Amino acid sequence: MGEISIVSGIILVRDVRSFETAIENMDADENHPWIRPEMFNLGSTESPYFYEYPIASFAATYKNVEGGTALSEFVLKFEYLLETIDFDFVRIRLDTEFLRDFEFFWGRKSGEEREFFKREDLIECEKWFFGYGFRHMFGGLMSEAQPDVPYDFVYPVKFDDTIKDGFNEMVFELNQIPLAETIYVKDFFKRSVLGHDHAHLILTYLKLNKVIKFGFESGRGLYIERLKEIKELDTPYNKYG
């Protein structure tokens, strides 16, 4: 019996068409923790039934997404989607069965000299400001208490250095996999870091960049289909050209 994780939240949408296009263009996600179109709902977009900007909601339940690699994968997938949406702010709540509950906040970057969401307690990234804890719509914390941070979770999301180095040593071998051919890792490689839990974030990153497809099959384990040249890794936010 796994521990249930409930993830829910809201997106204040500045441009409805950008949200609709982002959802329409989502690839089928069959890899846990999956993010799928049916997990989103856009509220009323017809005047006068919203004020200034409409709200989109997200809700899903998962098994064991309470920290570490699984949460890193969820956040990375969610942020890749956010990059394609013109939003004002996003609030996501993670309820766990046995651990604490956690809140995450993203505030858009406008590119102006005085950024609206720029605060000392928010992490400045290329496209937004990120923070932990329950925050009001202007980015400030609703409580003076130090916000909880999930166990073994680091933001910005990063690869495990040891696993990343091991993967980079495999790049030449990985590129020997014929394009569009499915291979089972334990059959193709005598030794591999790909079976490590931390390698799952690497596989997710490569899939988000349409470099590979991957999955797990009972009895045969991890399989990979290479779609294009695999390059050495740096950070999960480096996009393939």
C-alpha atoms as a PDB file:
ATOM      1  CA  MET A   1       0.000   0.000   0.000  1.00  0.00           C
ATOM      2  CA  GLY A   2       1.583   3.260  -1.091  1.00  0.00           C
ATOM      3  CA  GLU A   3       1.252   6.678   0.440  1.00  0.00           C
ATOM      4  CA  ILE A   4      -1.258   8.863  -1.380  1.00  0.00           C
ATOM      5  CA  SER A   5      -0.155  12.308  -2.521  1.00  0.00           C
ATOM      6  CA  ILE A   6      -2.802  14.867  -3.489  1.00  0.00           C
ATOM      7  CA  VAL A   7      -1.660  17.718  -5.732  1.00  0.00           C
ATOM      8  CA  SER A   8      -3.990  20.616  -6.467  1.00  0.00           C
ATOM      9  CA  GLY A   9      -3.712  24.246  -7.391  1.00  0.00           C
ATOM     10  CA  ILE A  10      -4.661  27.247  -9.462  1.00  0.00           C
ATOM     11  CA  ILE A  11      -3.190  29.197 -12.373  1.00  0.00           C
ATOM     12  CA  LEU A  12      -4.242  32.815 -12.908  1.00  0.00           C
ATOM     13  CA  VAL A  13      -4.273  32.882 -16.722  1.00  0.00           C
ATOM     14  CA  ARG A  14      -3.372  36.140 -18.492  1.00  0.00           C
ATOM     15  CA  ASP A  15      -3.885  34.776 -22.006  1.00  0.00           C
ATOM     16  CA  VAL A  16      -6.574  32.125 -22.416  1.00  0.00           C
ATOM     17  CA  ARG A  17      -5.418  31.055 -25.856  1.00  0.00           C
ATOM     18  CA  SER A  18      -1.907  30.332 -24.557  1.00  0.00           C
ATOM     19  CA  PHE A  19      -3.409  28.019 -21.920  1.00  0.00           C
ATOM     20  CA  GLU A  20      -5.709  26.270 -24.384  1.00  0.00           C
ATOM     21  CA  THR A  21      -2.865  25.767 -26.865  1.00  0.00           C
ATOM     22  CA  ALA A  22      -0.557  24.422 -24.150  1.00  0.00           C
ATOM     23  CA  ILE A  23      -3.132  21.840 -23.071  1.00  0.00           C
ATOM     24  CA  GLU A  24      -3.990  20.881 -26.655  1.00  0.00           C
ATOM     25  CA  ASN A  25      -0.295  20.330 -27.449  1.00  0.00           C
ATOM     26  CA  MET A  26       0.466  18.158 -24.420  1.00  0.00           C
ATOM     27  CA  ASP A  27       1.937  14.783 -25.332  1.00  0.00           C
ATOM     28  CA  ALA A  28       0.386  11.666 -23.858  1.00  0.00           C
ATOM     29  CA  ASP A  29       2.137  11.152 -20.528  1.00  0.00           C
ATOM     30  CA  GLU A  30       2.393   7.527 -19.421  1.00  0.00           C
ATOM     31  CA  ASN A  31       5.307   8.014 -17.026  1.00  0.00           C
ATOM     32  CA  HIS A  32       4.708   8.536 -13.311  1.00  0.00           C
ATOM     33  CA  PRO A  33       4.155  11.179 -12.009  1.00  0.00           C
ATOM     34  CA  TRP A  34       2.057  11.882 -15.078  1.00  0.00           C
ATOM     35  CA  ILE A  35       0.606  15.275 -15.979  1.00  0.00           C
ATOM     36  CA  ARG A  36      -2.271  14.921 -18.420  1.00  0.00           C
ATOM     37  CA  PRO A  37      -4.768  17.308 -20.062  1.00  0.00           C
ATOM     38  CA  GLU A  38      -7.744  15.916 -18.135  1.00  0.00           C
ATOM     39  CA  MET A  39      -6.118  17.025 -14.873  1.00  0.00           C
ATOM     40  CA  PHE A  40      -6.675  20.687 -15.851  1.00  0.00           C
ATOM     41  CA  ASN A  41      -9.868  22.684 -15.926  1.00  0.00           C
ATOM     42  CA  LEU A  42     -10.335  26.223 -17.230  1.00  0.00           C
ATOM     43  CA  GLY A  43     -13.004  28.277 -15.492  1.00  0.00           C
ATOM     44  CA  SER A  44     -15.359  30.666 -17.206  1.00  0.00           C
ATOM     45  CA  THR A  45     -13.769  32.792 -19.923  1.00  0.00           C
ATOM     46  CA  GLU A  46     -16.972  34.573 -20.894  1.00  0.00           C
ATOM     47  CA  SER A  47     -17.522  38.125 -19.681  1.00  0.00           C
ATOM     48  CA  PRO A  48     -18.876  39.066 -17.152  1.00  0.00           C
ATOM     49  CA  TYR A  49     -18.294  35.703 -15.433  1.00  0.00           C
ATOM     50  CA  PHE A  50     -14.664  36.382 -14.579  1.00  0.00           C
ATOM     51  CA  TYR A  51     -12.838  39.487 -13.394  1.00  0.00           C
ATOM     52  CA  GLU A  52      -9.603  40.616 -15.104  1.00  0.00           C
ATOM     53  CA  TYR A  53      -8.199  37.098 -15.623  1.00  0.00           C
ATOM     54  CA  PRO A  54      -9.809  33.645 -15.541  1.00  0.00           C
ATOM     55  CA  ILE A  55      -8.606  30.794 -13.339  1.00  0.00           C
ATOM     56  CA  ALA A  56      -7.426  27.364 -14.423  1.00  0.00           C
ATOM     57  CA  SER A  57      -7.237  24.573 -11.877  1.00  0.00           C
ATOM     58  CA  PHE A  58      -5.139  21.431 -11.589  1.00  0.00           C
ATOM     59  CA  ALA A  59      -5.875  18.366  -9.498  1.00  0.00           C
ATOM     60  CA  ALA A  60      -4.417  14.860  -9.345  1.00  0.00           C
ATOM     61  CA  THR A  61      -3.619  12.047  -6.944  1.00  0.00           C
ATOM     62  CA  TYR A  62      -0.402  10.039  -7.013  1.00  0.00           C
ATOM     63  CA  LYS A  63       1.396   7.275  -5.175  1.00  0.00           C
ATOM     64  CA  ASN A  64       4.437   8.481  -3.239  1.00  0.00           C
ATOM     65  CA  VAL A  65       5.074  11.963  -4.632  1.00  0.00           C
ATOM     66  CA  GLU A  66       6.136  13.606  -1.407  1.00  0.00           C
ATOM     67  CA  GLY A  67       9.745  14.620  -2.096  1.00  0.00           C
ATOM     68  CA  GLY A  68      12.988  13.582  -3.716  1.00  0.00           C
ATOM     69  CA  THR A  69      13.140  12.445  -7.332  1.00  0.00           C
ATOM     70  CA  ALA A  70       9.397  11.944  -7.828  1.00  0.00           C
ATOM     71  CA  LEU A  71       8.587  15.509  -6.764  1.00  0.00           C
ATOM     72  CA  SER A  72      11.486  16.844  -8.843  1.00  0.00           C
ATOM     73  CA  GLU A  73      10.043  15.097 -11.888  1.00  0.00           C
ATOM     74  CA  PHE A  74       6.583  16.530 -11.228  1.00  0.00           C
ATOM     75  CA  VAL A  75       7.921  20.077 -10.811  1.00  0.00           C
ATOM     76  CA  LEU A  76      10.067  19.813 -13.939  1.00  0.00           C
ATOM     77  CA  LYS A  77       7.118  18.574 -16.032  1.00  0.00           C
ATOM     78  CA  PHE A  78       4.869  21.271 -14.597  1.00  0.00           C
ATOM     79  CA  GLU A  79       7.404  24.016 -15.288  1.00  0.00           C
ATOM     80  CA  TYR A  80       7.951  22.889 -18.872  1.00  0.00           C
ATOM     81  CA  LEU A  81       4.215  23.356 -19.317  1.00  0.00           C
ATOM     82  CA  LEU A  82       4.187  26.725 -17.518  1.00  0.00           C
ATOM     83  CA  GLU A  83       6.797  28.015 -19.969  1.00  0.00           C
ATOM     84  CA  THR A  84       4.155  27.846 -22.702  1.00  0.00           C
ATOM     85  CA  ILE A  85       1.409  29.617 -20.714  1.00  0.00           C
ATOM     86  CA  ASP A  86       1.041  33.359 -20.189  1.00  0.00           C
ATOM     87  CA  PHE A  87       0.147  33.361 -16.475  1.00  0.00           C
ATOM     88  CA  ASP A  88       0.254  35.818 -13.593  1.00  0.00           C
ATOM     89  CA  PHE A  89       0.841  33.482 -10.651  1.00  0.00           C
ATOM     90  CA  VAL A  90       0.476  29.807  -9.776  1.00  0.00           C
ATOM     91  CA  ARG A  91      -0.170  28.147  -6.433  1.00  0.00           C
ATOM     92  CA  ILE A  92       0.228  24.394  -5.989  1.00  0.00           C
ATOM     93  CA  ARG A  93      -0.508  22.445  -2.804  1.00  0.00           C
ATOM     94  CA  LEU A  94       0.886  18.989  -2.027  1.00  0.00           C
ATOM     95  CA  ASP A  95      -0.995  16.980   0.610  1.00  0.00           C
ATOM     96  CA  THR A  96       0.788  13.855   1.838  1.00  0.00           C
ATOM     97  CA  GLU A  97      -0.533  10.953   3.860  1.00  0.00           C
ATOM     98  CA  PHE A  98       2.158  10.779   6.535  1.00  0.00           C
ATOM     99  CA  LEU A  99       4.442  13.773   5.986  1.00  0.00           C
ATOM    100  CA  ARG A 100       3.622  17.463   6.163  1.00  0.00           C
ATOM    101  CA  ASP A 101       1.634  19.330   3.533  1.00  0.00           C
ATOM    102  CA  PHE A 102       3.506  21.746   1.289  1.00  0.00           C
ATOM    103  CA  GLU A 103       2.778  24.824  -0.822  1.00  0.00           C
ATOM    104  CA  PHE A 104       4.598  26.116  -3.908  1.00  0.00           C
ATOM    105  CA  PHE A 105       4.304  29.480  -5.653  1.00  0.00           C
ATOM    106  CA  TRP A 106       5.335  30.785  -9.071  1.00  0.00           C
ATOM    107  CA  GLY A 107       5.056  34.492  -9.941  1.00  0.00           C
ATOM    108  CA  ARG A 108       5.605  35.618 -13.526  1.00  0.00           C
ATOM    109  CA  LYS A 109       8.556  37.666 -14.639  1.00  0.00           C
ATOM    110  CA  SER A 110       7.484  40.675 -16.653  1.00  0.00           C
ATOM    111  CA  GLY A 111      10.906  41.701 -17.974  1.00  0.00           C
ATOM    112  CA  GLU A 112      10.360  45.216 -16.626  1.00  0.00           C
ATOM    113  CA  GLU A 113      12.933  47.092 -14.542  1.00  0.00           C
ATOM    114  CA  ARG A 114      10.827  46.766 -11.392  1.00  0.00           C
ATOM    115  CA  GLU A 115       9.592  43.191 -11.185  1.00  0.00           C
ATOM    116  CA  PHE A 116       6.290  42.872  -9.318  1.00  0.00           C
ATOM    117  CA  PHE A 117       7.122  39.520  -7.675  1.00  0.00           C
ATOM    118  CA  LYS A 118      10.759  40.265  -6.833  1.00  0.00           C
ATOM    119  CA  ARG A 119      11.186  39.495  -3.125  1.00  0.00           C
ATOM    120  CA  GLU A 120      14.023  38.346  -0.877  1.00  0.00           C
ATOM    121  CA  ASP A 121      12.143  35.164   0.042  1.00  0.00           C
ATOM    122  CA  LEU A 122      11.463  34.128  -3.575  1.00  0.00           C
ATOM    123  CA  ILE A 123      14.019  32.405  -5.793  1.00  0.00           C
ATOM    124  CA  GLU A 124      14.596  34.367  -8.997  1.00  0.00           C
ATOM    125  CA  CYS A 125      14.722  32.199 -12.125  1.00  0.00           C
ATOM    126  CA  GLU A 126      14.877  33.023 -15.820  1.00  0.00           C
ATOM    127  CA  LYS A 127      11.105  33.168 -16.348  1.00  0.00           C
ATOM    128  CA  TRP A 128       9.554  33.468 -12.871  1.00  0.00           C
ATOM    129  CA  PHE A 129      10.034  33.779  -9.140  1.00  0.00           C
ATOM    130  CA  PHE A 130       9.549  30.611  -7.089  1.00  0.00           C
ATOM    131  CA  GLY A 131       8.836  30.162  -3.415  1.00  0.00           C
ATOM    132  CA  TYR A 132       7.710  27.721  -0.757  1.00  0.00           C
ATOM    133  CA  GLY A 133       4.810  28.224   1.630  1.00  0.00           C
ATOM    134  CA  PHE A 134       1.240  29.498   1.381  1.00  0.00           C
ATOM    135  CA  ARG A 135       1.359  32.931  -0.242  1.00  0.00           C
ATOM    136  CA  HIS A 136      -1.202  35.518  -1.221  1.00  0.00           C
ATOM    137  CA  MET A 137      -1.601  36.632  -4.820  1.00  0.00           C
ATOM    138  CA  PHE A 138       1.143  39.235  -4.484  1.00  0.00           C
ATOM    139  CA  GLY A 139       3.736  36.639  -3.458  1.00  0.00           C
ATOM    140  CA  GLY A 140       4.000  37.355   0.253  1.00  0.00           C
ATOM    141  CA  LEU A 141       3.785  34.618   2.872  1.00  0.00           C
ATOM    142  CA  MET A 142       0.532  34.375   4.789  1.00  0.00           C
ATOM    143  CA  SER A 143       2.405  33.331   7.938  1.00  0.00           C
ATOM    144  CA  GLU A 144       5.624  34.488   9.576  1.00  0.00           C
ATOM    145  CA  ALA A 145       6.606  30.865  10.198  1.00  0.00           C
ATOM    146  CA  GLN A 146       9.377  29.420   8.053  1.00  0.00           C
ATOM    147  CA  PRO A 147       7.706  27.493   5.188  1.00  0.00           C
ATOM    148  CA  ASP A 148       8.166  23.731   5.076  1.00  0.00           C
ATOM    149  CA  VAL A 149      10.344  22.256   2.333  1.00  0.00           C
ATOM    150  CA  PRO A 150       9.770  18.655   1.173  1.00  0.00           C
ATOM    151  CA  TYR A 151      12.353  16.058   2.142  1.00  0.00           C
ATOM    152  CA  ASP A 152      15.252  15.654  -0.289  1.00  0.00           C
ATOM    153  CA  PHE A 153      13.857  18.250  -2.701  1.00  0.00           C
ATOM    154  CA  VAL A 154      16.045  20.998  -4.143  1.00  0.00           C
ATOM    155  CA  TYR A 155      14.947  24.001  -6.181  1.00  0.00           C
ATOM    156  CA  PRO A 156      15.800  24.809  -8.903  1.00  0.00           C
ATOM    157  CA  VAL A 157      15.508  21.162  -9.891  1.00  0.00           C
ATOM    158  CA  LYS A 158      18.920  19.589 -10.465  1.00  0.00           C
ATOM    159  CA  PHE A 159      20.386  16.272 -11.514  1.00  0.00           C
ATOM    160  CA  ASP A 160      22.252  14.136  -9.006  1.00  0.00           C
ATOM    161  CA  ASP A 161      25.906  14.898  -9.818  1.00  0.00           C
ATOM    162  CA  THR A 162      27.143  11.306  -9.589  1.00  0.00           C
ATOM    163  CA  ILE A 163      24.340   9.963 -11.782  1.00  0.00           C
ATOM    164  CA  LYS A 164      24.759  12.837 -14.248  1.00  0.00           C
ATOM    165  CA  ASP A 165      28.489  12.123 -14.591  1.00  0.00           C
ATOM    166  CA  GLY A 166      27.776   8.420 -15.072  1.00  0.00           C
ATOM    167  CA  PHE A 167      25.186   9.212 -17.730  1.00  0.00           C
ATOM    168  CA  ASN A 168      27.540  11.568 -19.581  1.00  0.00           C
ATOM    169  CA  GLU A 169      30.083   8.745 -19.764  1.00  0.00           C
ATOM    170  CA  MET A 170      27.403   6.650 -21.520  1.00  0.00           C
ATOM    171  CA  VAL A 171      26.436   9.192 -24.179  1.00  0.00           C
ATOM    172  CA  PHE A 172      28.513   7.610 -26.946  1.00  0.00           C
ATOM    173  CA  GLU A 173      27.033   4.166 -26.223  1.00  0.00           C
ATOM    174  CA  LEU A 174      23.508   5.568 -26.027  1.00  0.00           C
ATOM    175  CA  ASN A 175      23.876   7.110 -29.456  1.00  0.00           C
ATOM    176  CA  GLN A 176      24.632   3.661 -30.858  1.00  0.00           C
ATOM    177  CA  ILE A 177      20.977   2.759 -30.226  1.00  0.00           C
ATOM    178  CA  PRO A 178      19.300   2.799 -33.673  1.00  0.00           C
ATOM    179  CA  LEU A 179      16.791   5.620 -34.054  1.00  0.00           C
ATOM    180  CA  ALA A 180      13.145   4.704 -33.407  1.00  0.00           C
ATOM    181  CA  GLU A 181      14.125   1.241 -32.160  1.00  0.00           C
ATOM    182  CA  THR A 182      13.048   0.118 -28.696  1.00  0.00           C
ATOM    183  CA  ILE A 183      15.792  -1.458 -26.600  1.00  0.00           C
ATOM    184  CA  TYR A 184      15.687  -2.920 -23.102  1.00  0.00           C
ATOM    185  CA  VAL A 185      18.439  -1.395 -20.990  1.00  0.00           C
ATOM    186  CA  LYS A 186      19.463  -4.575 -19.150  1.00  0.00           C
ATOM    187  CA  ASP A 187      19.876  -6.354 -22.514  1.00  0.00           C
ATOM    188  CA  PHE A 188      21.789  -3.520 -24.206  1.00  0.00           C
ATOM    189  CA  PHE A 189      24.140  -2.438 -21.397  1.00  0.00           C
ATOM    190  CA  LYS A 190      26.121  -4.700 -19.093  1.00  0.00           C
ATOM    191  CA  ARG A 191      26.407  -1.900 -16.522  1.00  0.00           C
ATOM    192  CA  SER A 192      24.340   1.258 -16.431  1.00  0.00           C
ATOM    193  CA  VAL A 193      23.345   4.122 -14.115  1.00  0.00           C
ATOM    194  CA  LEU A 194      19.946   4.168 -15.807  1.00  0.00           C
ATOM    195  CA  GLY A 195      18.479   1.741 -13.284  1.00  0.00           C
ATOM    196  CA  HIS A 196      19.141   4.147 -10.403  1.00  0.00           C
ATOM    197  CA  ASP A 197      16.176   6.091  -8.984  1.00  0.00           C
ATOM    198  CA  HIS A 198      17.924   9.420  -9.598  1.00  0.00           C
ATOM    199  CA  ALA A 199      18.293   8.539 -13.284  1.00  0.00           C
ATOM    200  CA  HIS A 200      14.529   8.786 -13.678  1.00  0.00           C
ATOM    201  CA  LEU A 201      14.800  12.592 -13.631  1.00  0.00           C
ATOM    202  CA  ILE A 202      17.274  12.380 -16.516  1.00  0.00           C
ATOM    203  CA  LEU A 203      14.908  10.184 -18.514  1.00  0.00           C
ATOM    204  CA  THR A 204      12.053  12.603 -17.823  1.00  0.00           C
ATOM    205  CA  TYR A 205      14.166  15.543 -18.984  1.00  0.00           C
ATOM    206  CA  LEU A 206      15.093  13.749 -22.205  1.00  0.00           C
ATOM    207  CA  LYS A 207      11.479  12.850 -22.864  1.00  0.00           C
ATOM    208  CA  LEU A 208      10.344  16.450 -22.287  1.00  0.00           C
ATOM    209  CA  ASN A 209      12.864  17.495 -24.933  1.00  0.00           C
ATOM    210  CA  LYS A 210      11.609  14.782 -27.315  1.00  0.00           C
ATOM    211  CA  VAL A 211      14.972  13.030 -27.321  1.00  0.00           C
ATOM    212  CA  ILE A 212      13.705   9.650 -26.113  1.00  0.00           C
ATOM    213  CA  LYS A 213      10.611   7.726 -25.151  1.00  0.00           C
ATOM    214  CA  PHE A 214      10.859   5.375 -22.200  1.00  0.00           C
ATOM    215  CA  GLY A 215       8.851   3.116 -19.966  1.00  0.00           C
ATOM    216  CA  PHE A 216       8.932  -0.028 -17.847  1.00  0.00           C
ATOM    217  CA  GLU A 217       7.693  -3.459 -18.829  1.00  0.00           C
ATOM    218  CA  SER A 218       7.029  -6.240 -16.348  1.00  0.00           C
ATOM    219  CA  GLY A 219       9.722  -8.881 -16.529  1.00  0.00           C
ATOM    220  CA  ARG A 220      11.963  -6.883 -18.872  1.00  0.00           C
ATOM    221  CA  GLY A 221      12.447  -3.621 -17.005  1.00  0.00           C
ATOM    222  CA  LEU A 222      13.340  -0.222 -18.433  1.00  0.00           C
ATOM    223  CA  TYR A 223      13.072   0.328 -22.173  1.00  0.00           C
ATOM    224  CA  ILE A 224      14.191   3.304 -24.267  1.00  0.00           C
ATOM    225  CA  GLU A 225      13.438   4.485 -27.773  1.00  0.00           C
ATOM    226  CA  ARG A 226      15.944   7.053 -29.064  1.00  0.00           C
ATOM    227  CA  LEU A 227      14.409   9.790 -31.232  1.00  0.00           C
ATOM    228  CA  LYS A 228      17.453  12.004 -31.855  1.00  0.00           C
ATOM    229  CA  GLU A 229      21.079  12.491 -30.822  1.00  0.00           C
ATOM    230  CA  ILE A 230      21.629  12.380 -27.073  1.00  0.00           C
ATOM    231  CA  LYS A 231      23.934  15.082 -25.704  1.00  0.00           C
ATOM    232  CA  GLU A 232      25.844  15.407 -22.454  1.00  0.00           C
ATOM    233  CA  LEU A 233      23.803  16.778 -19.577  1.00  0.00           C
ATOM    234  CA  ASP A 234      24.206  20.081 -17.798  1.00  0.00           C
ATOM    235  CA  THR A 235      20.974  21.179 -16.078  1.00  0.00           C
ATOM    236  CA  PRO A 236      17.325  20.117 -16.525  1.00  0.00           C
ATOM    237  CA  TYR A 237      16.560  23.592 -17.867  1.00  0.00           C
ATOM    238  CA  ASN A 238      18.907  23.418 -20.856  1.00  0.00           C
ATOM    239  CA  LYS A 239      16.733  22.883 -23.919  1.00  0.00           C
ATOM    240  CA  TYR A 240      17.737  20.880 -26.954  1.00  0.00           C
ATOM    241  CA  GLY A 241      18.164  22.993 -30.080  1.00  0.00           C
END
